Amino acid sequence: WTSLILPLEVGKSRSKIIITTRNQNVA
């Protein structure tokens, strides 16, 4: 997860990532 999210965290402020999951651990 951190490997995936690392480059996404550089986006301008107020960027958003929505995740749909059935797995509470993922949430």
mmCIF file of all heavy atoms, coordinates in Angstrom:
data_MODEL
# 
_entry.id   MODEL 
# 
loop_
_atom_site.group_PDB 
_atom_site.id 
_atom_site.type_symbol 
_atom_site.label_atom_id 
_atom_site.label_alt_id 
_atom_site.label_comp_id 
_atom_site.label_asym_id 
_atom_site.label_entity_id 
_atom_site.label_seq_id 
_atom_site.pdbx_PDB_ins_code 
_atom_site.Cartn_x 
_atom_site.Cartn_y 
_atom_site.Cartn_z 
_atom_site.occupancy 
_atom_site.B_iso_or_equiv 
_atom_site.pdbx_formal_charge 
_atom_site.auth_seq_id 
_atom_site.auth_comp_id 
_atom_site.auth_asym_id 
_atom_site.auth_atom_id 
_atom_site.pdbx_PDB_model_num 
ATOM 1   N N   . TRP A 1 1  ? 0.832   -1.202 0.000  1.00 0.00 ? 1  TRP A N   1 
ATOM 2   C CA  . TRP A 1 1  ? 0.000   0.000  0.000  1.00 0.00 ? 1  TRP A CA  1 
ATOM 3   C C   . TRP A 1 1  ? 0.871   1.258  0.000  1.00 0.00 ? 1  TRP A C   1 
ATOM 4   O O   . TRP A 1 1  ? 0.644   2.181  -0.770 1.00 0.00 ? 1  TRP A O   1 
ATOM 5   C CB  . TRP A 1 1  ? -0.950  0.003  1.195  1.00 0.00 ? 1  TRP A CB  1 
ATOM 6   C CG  . TRP A 1 1  ? -1.607  1.332  1.398  1.00 0.00 ? 1  TRP A CG  1 
ATOM 7   C CD1 . TRP A 1 1  ? -1.421  2.193  2.435  1.00 0.00 ? 1  TRP A CD1 1 
ATOM 8   C CD2 . TRP A 1 1  ? -2.542  1.977  0.521  1.00 0.00 ? 1  TRP A CD2 1 
ATOM 9   N NE1 . TRP A 1 1  ? -2.173  3.333  2.265  1.00 0.00 ? 1  TRP A NE1 1 
ATOM 10  C CE2 . TRP A 1 1  ? -2.880  3.219  1.097  1.00 0.00 ? 1  TRP A CE2 1 
ATOM 11  C CE3 . TRP A 1 1  ? -3.136  1.629  -0.686 1.00 0.00 ? 1  TRP A CE3 1 
ATOM 12  C CZ2 . TRP A 1 1  ? -3.771  4.103  0.500  1.00 0.00 ? 1  TRP A CZ2 1 
ATOM 13  C CZ3 . TRP A 1 1  ? -4.028  2.520  -1.285 1.00 0.00 ? 1  TRP A CZ3 1 
ATOM 14  C CH2 . TRP A 1 1  ? -4.330  3.738  -0.686 1.00 0.00 ? 1  TRP A CH2 1 
ATOM 15  N N   . THR A 1 2  ? 1.874   1.309  0.867  1.00 0.00 ? 2  THR A N   1 
ATOM 16  C CA  . THR A 1 2  ? 2.723   2.493  0.933  1.00 0.00 ? 2  THR A CA  1 
ATOM 17  C C   . THR A 1 2  ? 3.519   2.672  -0.354 1.00 0.00 ? 2  THR A C   1 
ATOM 18  O O   . THR A 1 2  ? 3.774   3.804  -0.778 1.00 0.00 ? 2  THR A O   1 
ATOM 19  C CB  . THR A 1 2  ? 3.671   2.461  2.153  1.00 0.00 ? 2  THR A CB  1 
ATOM 20  O OG1 . THR A 1 2  ? 4.431   1.264  2.117  1.00 0.00 ? 2  THR A OG1 1 
ATOM 21  C CG2 . THR A 1 2  ? 2.907   2.562  3.454  1.00 0.00 ? 2  THR A CG2 1 
ATOM 22  N N   . SER A 1 3  ? 3.887   1.581  -0.986 1.00 0.00 ? 3  SER A N   1 
ATOM 23  C CA  . SER A 1 3  ? 4.592   1.670  -2.262 1.00 0.00 ? 3  SER A CA  1 
ATOM 24  C C   . SER A 1 3  ? 3.694   2.289  -3.337 1.00 0.00 ? 3  SER A C   1 
ATOM 25  O O   . SER A 1 3  ? 4.152   3.058  -4.175 1.00 0.00 ? 3  SER A O   1 
ATOM 26  C CB  . SER A 1 3  ? 5.046   0.276  -2.695 1.00 0.00 ? 3  SER A CB  1 
ATOM 27  O OG  . SER A 1 3  ? 5.744   0.346  -3.899 1.00 0.00 ? 3  SER A OG  1 
ATOM 28  N N   . LEU A 1 4  ? 2.423   1.977  -3.289 1.00 0.00 ? 4  LEU A N   1 
ATOM 29  C CA  . LEU A 1 4  ? 1.477   2.544  -4.257 1.00 0.00 ? 4  LEU A CA  1 
ATOM 30  C C   . LEU A 1 4  ? 1.177   4.005  -3.950 1.00 0.00 ? 4  LEU A C   1 
ATOM 31  O O   . LEU A 1 4  ? 1.156   4.848  -4.840 1.00 0.00 ? 4  LEU A O   1 
ATOM 32  C CB  . LEU A 1 4  ? 0.173   1.737  -4.258 1.00 0.00 ? 4  LEU A CB  1 
ATOM 33  C CG  . LEU A 1 4  ? -0.964  2.316  -5.098 1.00 0.00 ? 4  LEU A CG  1 
ATOM 34  C CD1 . LEU A 1 4  ? -0.599  2.313  -6.577 1.00 0.00 ? 4  LEU A CD1 1 
ATOM 35  C CD2 . LEU A 1 4  ? -2.244  1.547  -4.851 1.00 0.00 ? 4  LEU A CD2 1 
ATOM 36  N N   . ILE A 1 5  ? 0.976   4.316  -2.706 1.00 0.00 ? 5  ILE A N   1 
ATOM 37  C CA  . ILE A 1 5  ? 0.489   5.646  -2.328 1.00 0.00 ? 5  ILE A CA  1 
ATOM 38  C C   . ILE A 1 5  ? 1.578   6.711  -2.333 1.00 0.00 ? 5  ILE A C   1 
ATOM 39  O O   . ILE A 1 5  ? 1.293   7.899  -2.502 1.00 0.00 ? 5  ILE A O   1 
ATOM 40  C CB  . ILE A 1 5  ? -0.220  5.571  -0.948 1.00 0.00 ? 5  ILE A CB  1 
ATOM 41  C CG1 . ILE A 1 5  ? -1.123  6.780  -0.711 1.00 0.00 ? 5  ILE A CG1 1 
ATOM 42  C CG2 . ILE A 1 5  ? 0.767   5.457  0.184  1.00 0.00 ? 5  ILE A CG2 1 
ATOM 43  C CD1 . ILE A 1 5  ? -2.314  6.838  -1.595 1.00 0.00 ? 5  ILE A CD1 1 
ATOM 44  N N   . LEU A 1 6  ? 2.818   6.316  -2.173 1.00 0.00 ? 6  LEU A N   1 
ATOM 45  C CA  . LEU A 1 6  ? 3.924   7.265  -2.066 1.00 0.00 ? 6  LEU A CA  1 
ATOM 46  C C   . LEU A 1 6  ? 3.922   8.330  -3.168 1.00 0.00 ? 6  LEU A C   1 
ATOM 47  O O   . LEU A 1 6  ? 3.927   9.522  -2.872 1.00 0.00 ? 6  LEU A O   1 
ATOM 48  C CB  . LEU A 1 6  ? 5.261   6.526  -2.028 1.00 0.00 ? 6  LEU A CB  1 
ATOM 49  C CG  . LEU A 1 6  ? 6.494   7.384  -1.835 1.00 0.00 ? 6  LEU A CG  1 
ATOM 50  C CD1 . LEU A 1 6  ? 6.488   8.028  -0.460 1.00 0.00 ? 6  LEU A CD1 1 
ATOM 51  C CD2 . LEU A 1 6  ? 7.748   6.543  -2.016 1.00 0.00 ? 6  LEU A CD2 1 
ATOM 52  N N   . PRO A 1 7  ? 3.882   7.974  -4.450 1.00 0.00 ? 7  PRO A N   1 
ATOM 53  C CA  . PRO A 1 7  ? 3.892   9.030  -5.473 1.00 0.00 ? 7  PRO A CA  1 
ATOM 54  C C   . PRO A 1 7  ? 2.569   9.800  -5.565 1.00 0.00 ? 7  PRO A C   1 
ATOM 55  O O   . PRO A 1 7  ? 2.537   10.916 -6.073 1.00 0.00 ? 7  PRO A O   1 
ATOM 56  C CB  . PRO A 1 7  ? 4.177   8.281  -6.771 1.00 0.00 ? 7  PRO A CB  1 
ATOM 57  C CG  . PRO A 1 7  ? 3.740   6.896  -6.511 1.00 0.00 ? 7  PRO A CG  1 
ATOM 58  C CD  . PRO A 1 7  ? 3.955   6.647  -5.048 1.00 0.00 ? 7  PRO A CD  1 
ATOM 59  N N   . LEU A 1 8  ? 1.495   9.233  -5.065 1.00 0.00 ? 8  LEU A N   1 
ATOM 60  C CA  . LEU A 1 8  ? 0.206   9.916  -5.125 1.00 0.00 ? 8  LEU A CA  1 
ATOM 61  C C   . LEU A 1 8  ? 0.118   11.038 -4.107 1.00 0.00 ? 8  LEU A C   1 
ATOM 62  O O   . LEU A 1 8  ? -0.686  11.946 -4.238 1.00 0.00 ? 8  LEU A O   1 
ATOM 63  C CB  . LEU A 1 8  ? -0.937  8.923  -4.905 1.00 0.00 ? 8  LEU A CB  1 
ATOM 64  C CG  . LEU A 1 8  ? -1.015  7.761  -5.894 1.00 0.00 ? 8  LEU A CG  1 
ATOM 65  C CD1 . LEU A 1 8  ? -2.187  6.864  -5.547 1.00 0.00 ? 8  LEU A CD1 1 
ATOM 66  C CD2 . LEU A 1 8  ? -1.115  8.248  -7.326 1.00 0.00 ? 8  LEU A CD2 1 
ATOM 67  N N   . GLU A 1 9  ? 0.948   10.969 -3.083 1.00 0.00 ? 9  GLU A N   1 
ATOM 68  C CA  . GLU A 1 9  ? 0.912   11.978 -2.029 1.00 0.00 ? 9  GLU A CA  1 
ATOM 69  C C   . GLU A 1 9  ? 1.520   13.311 -2.450 1.00 0.00 ? 9  GLU A C   1 
ATOM 70  O O   . GLU A 1 9  ? 1.435   14.278 -1.715 1.00 0.00 ? 9  GLU A O   1 
ATOM 71  C CB  . GLU A 1 9  ? 1.611   11.440 -0.773 1.00 0.00 ? 9  GLU A CB  1 
ATOM 72  C CG  . GLU A 1 9  ? 0.836   10.301 -0.142 1.00 0.00 ? 9  GLU A CG  1 
ATOM 73  C CD  . GLU A 1 9  ? 1.547   9.673  1.031  1.00 0.00 ? 9  GLU A CD  1 
ATOM 74  O OE1 . GLU A 1 9  ? 2.787   9.753  1.113  1.00 0.00 ? 9  GLU A OE1 1 
ATOM 75  O OE2 . GLU A 1 9  ? 0.851   9.089  1.872  1.00 0.00 ? 9  GLU A OE2 1 
ATOM 76  N N   . VAL A 1 10 ? 2.110   13.386 -3.645 1.00 0.00 ? 10 VAL A N   1 
ATOM 77  C CA  . VAL A 1 10 ? 2.699   14.648 -4.089 1.00 0.00 ? 10 VAL A CA  1 
ATOM 78  C C   . VAL A 1 10 ? 1.692   15.549 -4.792 1.00 0.00 ? 10 VAL A C   1 
ATOM 79  O O   . VAL A 1 10 ? 1.990   16.688 -5.080 1.00 0.00 ? 10 VAL A O   1 
ATOM 80  C CB  . VAL A 1 10 ? 3.912   14.426 -5.038 1.00 0.00 ? 10 VAL A CB  1 
ATOM 81  C CG1 . VAL A 1 10 ? 4.965   13.611 -4.362 1.00 0.00 ? 10 VAL A CG1 1 
ATOM 82  C CG2 . VAL A 1 10 ? 3.479   13.816 -6.355 1.00 0.00 ? 10 VAL A CG2 1 
ATOM 83  N N   . GLY A 1 11 ? 0.506   15.037 -5.080 1.00 0.00 ? 11 GLY A N   1 
ATOM 84  C CA  . GLY A 1 11 ? -0.495  15.848 -5.766 1.00 0.00 ? 11 GLY A CA  1 
ATOM 85  C C   . GLY A 1 11 ? -0.808  17.114 -4.998 1.00 0.00 ? 11 GLY A C   1 
ATOM 86  O O   . GLY A 1 11 ? -0.546  17.225 -3.803 1.00 0.00 ? 11 GLY A O   1 
ATOM 87  N N   . LYS A 1 12 ? -1.370  18.111 -5.695 1.00 0.00 ? 12 LYS A N   1 
ATOM 88  C CA  . LYS A 1 12 ? -1.758  19.363 -5.057 1.00 0.00 ? 12 LYS A CA  1 
ATOM 89  C C   . LYS A 1 12 ? -2.637  19.077 -3.837 1.00 0.00 ? 12 LYS A C   1 
ATOM 90  O O   . LYS A 1 12 ? -3.300  18.056 -3.771 1.00 0.00 ? 12 LYS A O   1 
ATOM 91  C CB  . LYS A 1 12 ? -2.578  20.207 -6.030 1.00 0.00 ? 12 LYS A CB  1 
ATOM 92  C CG  . LYS A 1 12 ? -1.788  20.986 -7.025 1.00 0.00 ? 12 LYS A CG  1 
ATOM 93  C CD  . LYS A 1 12 ? -2.747  21.629 -7.981 1.00 0.00 ? 12 LYS A CD  1 
ATOM 94  C CE  . LYS A 1 12 ? -2.615  23.113 -8.043 1.00 0.00 ? 12 LYS A CE  1 
ATOM 95  N NZ  . LYS A 1 12 ? -3.528  23.698 -9.023 1.00 0.00 ? 12 LYS A NZ  1 
ATOM 96  N N   . SER A 1 13 ? -2.647  20.003 -2.924 1.00 0.00 ? 13 SER A N   1 
ATOM 97  C CA  . SER A 1 13 ? -3.507  19.820 -1.762 1.00 0.00 ? 13 SER A CA  1 
ATOM 98  C C   . SER A 1 13 ? -4.955  19.691 -2.234 1.00 0.00 ? 13 SER A C   1 
ATOM 99  O O   . SER A 1 13 ? -5.327  20.190 -3.288 1.00 0.00 ? 13 SER A O   1 
ATOM 100 C CB  . SER A 1 13 ? -3.365  21.001 -0.809 1.00 0.00 ? 13 SER A CB  1 
ATOM 101 O OG  . SER A 1 13 ? -3.820  22.177 -1.421 1.00 0.00 ? 13 SER A OG  1 
ATOM 102 N N   . ARG A 1 14 ? -5.723  19.011 -1.450 1.00 0.00 ? 14 ARG A N   1 
ATOM 103 C CA  . ARG A 1 14 ? -7.135  18.740 -1.730 1.00 0.00 ? 14 ARG A CA  1 
ATOM 104 C C   . ARG A 1 14 ? -7.325  17.648 -2.761 1.00 0.00 ? 14 ARG A C   1 
ATOM 105 O O   . ARG A 1 14 ? -8.412  17.457 -3.265 1.00 0.00 ? 14 ARG A O   1 
ATOM 106 C CB  . ARG A 1 14 ? -7.885  20.011 -2.080 1.00 0.00 ? 14 ARG A CB  1 
ATOM 107 C CG  . ARG A 1 14 ? -7.820  21.027 -0.926 1.00 0.00 ? 14 ARG A CG  1 
ATOM 108 C CD  . ARG A 1 14 ? -8.465  22.307 -1.254 1.00 0.00 ? 14 ARG A CD  1 
ATOM 109 N NE  . ARG A 1 14 ? -9.868  22.086 -1.589 1.00 0.00 ? 14 ARG A NE  1 
ATOM 110 C CZ  . ARG A 1 14 ? -10.841 22.891 -1.269 1.00 0.00 ? 14 ARG A CZ  1 
ATOM 111 N NH1 . ARG A 1 14 ? -10.584 23.948 -0.568 1.00 0.00 ? 14 ARG A NH1 1 
ATOM 112 N NH2 . ARG A 1 14 ? -12.073 22.634 -1.630 1.00 0.00 ? 14 ARG A NH2 1 
ATOM 113 N N   . SER A 1 15 ? -6.285  16.915 -3.106 1.00 0.00 ? 15 SER A N   1 
ATOM 114 C CA  . SER A 1 15 ? -6.427  15.733 -3.934 1.00 0.00 ? 15 SER A CA  1 
ATOM 115 C C   . SER A 1 15 ? -7.089  14.653 -3.087 1.00 0.00 ? 15 SER A C   1 
ATOM 116 O O   . SER A 1 15 ? -6.968  14.655 -1.861 1.00 0.00 ? 15 SER A O   1 
ATOM 117 C CB  . SER A 1 15 ? -5.070  15.243 -4.440 1.00 0.00 ? 15 SER A CB  1 
ATOM 118 O OG  . SER A 1 15 ? -4.509  16.192 -5.328 1.00 0.00 ? 15 SER A OG  1 
ATOM 119 N N   . LYS A 1 16 ? -7.780  13.724 -3.729 1.00 0.00 ? 16 LYS A N   1 
ATOM 120 C CA  . LYS A 1 16 ? -8.536  12.706 -2.999 1.00 0.00 ? 16 LYS A CA  1 
ATOM 121 C C   . LYS A 1 16 ? -8.367  11.330 -3.637 1.00 0.00 ? 16 LYS A C   1 
ATOM 122 O O   . LYS A 1 16 ? -8.248  11.205 -4.852 1.00 0.00 ? 16 LYS A O   1 
ATOM 123 C CB  . LYS A 1 16 ? -10.035 13.038 -2.974 1.00 0.00 ? 16 LYS A CB  1 
ATOM 124 C CG  . LYS A 1 16 ? -10.374 14.378 -2.383 1.00 0.00 ? 16 LYS A CG  1 
ATOM 125 C CD  . LYS A 1 16 ? -10.061 14.440 -0.917 1.00 0.00 ? 16 LYS A CD  1 
ATOM 126 C CE  . LYS A 1 16 ? -10.356 15.829 -0.373 1.00 0.00 ? 16 LYS A CE  1 
ATOM 127 N NZ  . LYS A 1 16 ? -9.621  16.146 0.793  1.00 0.00 ? 16 LYS A NZ  1 
ATOM 128 N N   . ILE A 1 17 ? -8.373  10.333 -2.773 1.00 0.00 ? 17 ILE A N   1 
ATOM 129 C CA  . ILE A 1 17 ? -8.380  8.944  -3.211 1.00 0.00 ? 17 ILE A CA  1 
ATOM 130 C C   . ILE A 1 17 ? -9.554  8.273  -2.517 1.00 0.00 ? 17 ILE A C   1 
ATOM 131 O O   . ILE A 1 17 ? -9.662  8.310  -1.288 1.00 0.00 ? 17 ILE A O   1 
ATOM 132 C CB  . ILE A 1 17 ? -7.069  8.221  -2.857 1.00 0.00 ? 17 ILE A CB  1 
ATOM 133 C CG1 . ILE A 1 17 ? -5.889  8.914  -3.529 1.00 0.00 ? 17 ILE A CG1 1 
ATOM 134 C CG2 . ILE A 1 17 ? -7.142  6.748  -3.272 1.00 0.00 ? 17 ILE A CG2 1 
ATOM 135 C CD1 . ILE A 1 17 ? -4.535  8.416  -3.077 1.00 0.00 ? 17 ILE A CD1 1 
ATOM 136 N N   . ILE A 1 18 ? -10.435 7.682  -3.305 1.00 0.00 ? 18 ILE A N   1 
ATOM 137 C CA  . ILE A 1 18 ? -11.580 6.941  -2.783 1.00 0.00 ? 18 ILE A CA  1 
ATOM 138 C C   . ILE A 1 18 ? -11.281 5.462  -2.986 1.00 0.00 ? 18 ILE A C   1 
ATOM 139 O O   . ILE A 1 18 ? -10.890 5.055  -4.085 1.00 0.00 ? 18 ILE A O   1 
ATOM 140 C CB  . ILE A 1 18 ? -12.887 7.322  -3.516 1.00 0.00 ? 18 ILE A CB  1 
ATOM 141 C CG1 . ILE A 1 18 ? -13.200 8.800  -3.297 1.00 0.00 ? 18 ILE A CG1 1 
ATOM 142 C CG2 . ILE A 1 18 ? -14.035 6.433  -3.060 1.00 0.00 ? 18 ILE A CG2 1 
ATOM 143 C CD1 . ILE A 1 18 ? -14.370 9.308  -4.135 1.00 0.00 ? 18 ILE A CD1 1 
ATOM 144 N N   . ILE A 1 19 ? -11.502 4.689  -1.946 1.00 0.00 ? 19 ILE A N   1 
ATOM 145 C CA  . ILE A 1 19 ? -11.258 3.254  -2.031 1.00 0.00 ? 19 ILE A CA  1 
ATOM 146 C C   . ILE A 1 19 ? -12.549 2.532  -1.687 1.00 0.00 ? 19 ILE A C   1 
ATOM 147 O O   . ILE A 1 19 ? -13.175 2.813  -0.656 1.00 0.00 ? 19 ILE A O   1 
ATOM 148 C CB  . ILE A 1 19 ? -10.144 2.824  -1.052 1.00 0.00 ? 19 ILE A CB  1 
ATOM 149 C CG1 . ILE A 1 19 ? -8.852  3.523  -1.436 1.00 0.00 ? 19 ILE A CG1 1 
ATOM 150 C CG2 . ILE A 1 19 ? -9.975  1.307  -1.045 1.00 0.00 ? 19 ILE A CG2 1 
ATOM 151 C CD1 . ILE A 1 19 ? -7.756  3.387  -0.426 1.00 0.00 ? 19 ILE A CD1 1 
ATOM 152 N N   . THR A 1 20 ? -12.959 1.613  -2.562 1.00 0.00 ? 20 THR A N   1 
ATOM 153 C CA  . THR A 1 20 ? -14.080 0.748  -2.229 1.00 0.00 ? 20 THR A CA  1 
ATOM 154 C C   . THR A 1 20 ? -13.507 -0.604 -1.852 1.00 0.00 ? 20 THR A C   1 
ATOM 155 O O   . THR A 1 20 ? -12.601 -1.123 -2.518 1.00 0.00 ? 20 THR A O   1 
ATOM 156 C CB  . THR A 1 20 ? -15.086 0.595  -3.393 1.00 0.00 ? 20 THR A CB  1 
ATOM 157 O OG1 . THR A 1 20 ? -14.479 -0.108 -4.473 1.00 0.00 ? 20 THR A OG1 1 
ATOM 158 C CG2 . THR A 1 20 ? -15.581 1.950  -3.879 1.00 0.00 ? 20 THR A CG2 1 
ATOM 159 N N   . THR A 1 21 ? -14.020 -1.161 -0.773 1.00 0.00 ? 21 THR A N   1 
ATOM 160 C CA  . THR A 1 21 ? -13.522 -2.450 -0.291 1.00 0.00 ? 21 THR A CA  1 
ATOM 161 C C   . THR A 1 21 ? -14.572 -3.129 0.578  1.00 0.00 ? 21 THR A C   1 
ATOM 162 O O   . THR A 1 21 ? -15.422 -2.468 1.164  1.00 0.00 ? 21 THR A O   1 
ATOM 163 C CB  . THR A 1 21 ? -12.211 -2.285 0.509  1.00 0.00 ? 21 THR A CB  1 
ATOM 164 O OG1 . THR A 1 21 ? -11.694 -3.573 0.835  1.00 0.00 ? 21 THR A OG1 1 
ATOM 165 C CG2 . THR A 1 21 ? -12.410 -1.461 1.769  1.00 0.00 ? 21 THR A CG2 1 
ATOM 166 N N   . ARG A 1 22 ? -14.480 -4.432 0.637  1.00 0.00 ? 22 ARG A N   1 
ATOM 167 C CA  . ARG A 1 22 ? -15.297 -5.214 1.579  1.00 0.00 ? 22 ARG A CA  1 
ATOM 168 C C   . ARG A 1 22 ? -14.475 -5.577 2.810  1.00 0.00 ? 22 ARG A C   1 
ATOM 169 O O   . ARG A 1 22 ? -14.994 -6.121 3.759  1.00 0.00 ? 22 ARG A O   1 
ATOM 170 C CB  . ARG A 1 22 ? -15.759 -6.516 0.930  1.00 0.00 ? 22 ARG A CB  1 
ATOM 171 C CG  . ARG A 1 22 ? -16.693 -6.325 -0.213 1.00 0.00 ? 22 ARG A CG  1 
ATOM 172 C CD  . ARG A 1 22 ? -17.051 -7.661 -0.799 1.00 0.00 ? 22 ARG A CD  1 
ATOM 173 N NE  . ARG A 1 22 ? -16.794 -7.592 -2.220 1.00 0.00 ? 22 ARG A NE  1 
ATOM 174 C CZ  . ARG A 1 22 ? -16.765 -8.621 -3.018 1.00 0.00 ? 22 ARG A CZ  1 
ATOM 175 N NH1 . ARG A 1 22 ? -16.937 -9.816 -2.560 1.00 0.00 ? 22 ARG A NH1 1 
ATOM 176 N NH2 . ARG A 1 22 ? -16.534 -8.464 -4.296 1.00 0.00 ? 22 ARG A NH2 1 
ATOM 177 N N   . ASN A 1 23 ? -13.195 -5.302 2.759  1.00 0.00 ? 23 ASN A N   1 
ATOM 178 C CA  . ASN A 1 23 ? -12.256 -5.736 3.778  1.00 0.00 ? 23 ASN A CA  1 
ATOM 179 C C   . ASN A 1 23 ? -12.007 -4.601 4.780  1.00 0.00 ? 23 ASN A C   1 
ATOM 180 O O   . ASN A 1 23 ? -11.421 -3.580 4.429  1.00 0.00 ? 23 ASN A O   1 
ATOM 181 C CB  . ASN A 1 23 ? -10.949 -6.158 3.090  1.00 0.00 ? 23 ASN A CB  1 
ATOM 182 C CG  . ASN A 1 23 ? -9.920  -6.712 4.028  1.00 0.00 ? 23 ASN A CG  1 
ATOM 183 O OD1 . ASN A 1 23 ? -9.870  -6.367 5.200  1.00 0.00 ? 23 ASN A OD1 1 
ATOM 184 N ND2 . ASN A 1 23 ? -9.064  -7.578 3.504  1.00 0.00 ? 23 ASN A ND2 1 
ATOM 185 N N   . GLN A 1 24 ? -12.439 -4.779 6.014  1.00 0.00 ? 24 GLN A N   1 
ATOM 186 C CA  . GLN A 1 24 ? -12.265 -3.744 7.038  1.00 0.00 ? 24 GLN A CA  1 
ATOM 187 C C   . GLN A 1 24 ? -10.786 -3.463 7.319  1.00 0.00 ? 24 GLN A C   1 
ATOM 188 O O   . GLN A 1 24 ? -10.427 -2.344 7.668  1.00 0.00 ? 24 GLN A O   1 
ATOM 189 C CB  . GLN A 1 24 ? -12.980 -4.149 8.333  1.00 0.00 ? 24 GLN A CB  1 
ATOM 190 C CG  . GLN A 1 24 ? -14.480 -4.018 8.236  1.00 0.00 ? 24 GLN A CG  1 
ATOM 191 C CD  . GLN A 1 24 ? -14.915 -2.593 7.934  1.00 0.00 ? 24 GLN A CD  1 
ATOM 192 O OE1 . GLN A 1 24 ? -14.464 -1.629 8.548  1.00 0.00 ? 24 GLN A OE1 1 
ATOM 193 N NE2 . GLN A 1 24 ? -15.805 -2.436 6.965  1.00 0.00 ? 24 GLN A NE2 1 
ATOM 194 N N   . ASN A 1 25 ? -9.919  -4.465 7.168  1.00 0.00 ? 25 ASN A N   1 
ATOM 195 C CA  . ASN A 1 25 ? -8.480  -4.239 7.360  1.00 0.00 ? 25 ASN A CA  1 
ATOM 196 C C   . ASN A 1 25 ? -7.943  -3.273 6.317  1.00 0.00 ? 25 ASN A C   1 
ATOM 197 O O   . ASN A 1 25 ? -7.089  -2.436 6.612  1.00 0.00 ? 25 ASN A O   1 
ATOM 198 C CB  . ASN A 1 25 ? -7.700  -5.554 7.315  1.00 0.00 ? 25 ASN A CB  1 
ATOM 199 C CG  . ASN A 1 25 ? -7.983  -6.421 8.522  1.00 0.00 ? 25 ASN A CG  1 
ATOM 200 O OD1 . ASN A 1 25 ? -8.279  -5.923 9.593  1.00 0.00 ? 25 ASN A OD1 1 
ATOM 201 N ND2 . ASN A 1 25 ? -7.909  -7.723 8.332  1.00 0.00 ? 25 ASN A ND2 1 
ATOM 202 N N   . VAL A 1 26 ? -8.424  -3.378 5.087  1.00 0.00 ? 26 VAL A N   1 
ATOM 203 C CA  . VAL A 1 26 ? -8.019  -2.437 4.033  1.00 0.00 ? 26 VAL A CA  1 
ATOM 204 C C   . VAL A 1 26 ? -8.496  -1.043 4.388  1.00 0.00 ? 26 VAL A C   1 
ATOM 205 O O   . VAL A 1 26 ? -7.750  -0.070 4.270  1.00 0.00 ? 26 VAL A O   1 
ATOM 206 C CB  . VAL A 1 26 ? -8.567  -2.873 2.654  1.00 0.00 ? 26 VAL A CB  1 
ATOM 207 C CG1 . VAL A 1 26 ? -8.384  -1.771 1.616  1.00 0.00 ? 26 VAL A CG1 1 
ATOM 208 C CG2 . VAL A 1 26 ? -7.899  -4.155 2.186  1.00 0.00 ? 26 VAL A CG2 1 
ATOM 209 N N   . ALA A 1 27 ? -9.724  -0.933 4.842  1.00 0.00 ? 27 ALA A N   1 
ATOM 210 C CA  . ALA A 1 27 ? -10.267 0.377  5.212  1.00 0.00 ? 27 ALA A CA  1 
ATOM 211 C C   . ALA A 1 27 ? -9.438  1.019  6.319  1.00 0.00 ? 27 ALA A C   1 
ATOM 212 O O   . ALA A 1 27 ? -9.131  2.209  6.261  1.00 0.00 ? 27 ALA A O   1 
ATOM 213 C CB  . ALA A 1 27 ? -11.726 0.234  5.650  1.00 0.00 ? 27 ALA A CB  1 
# 
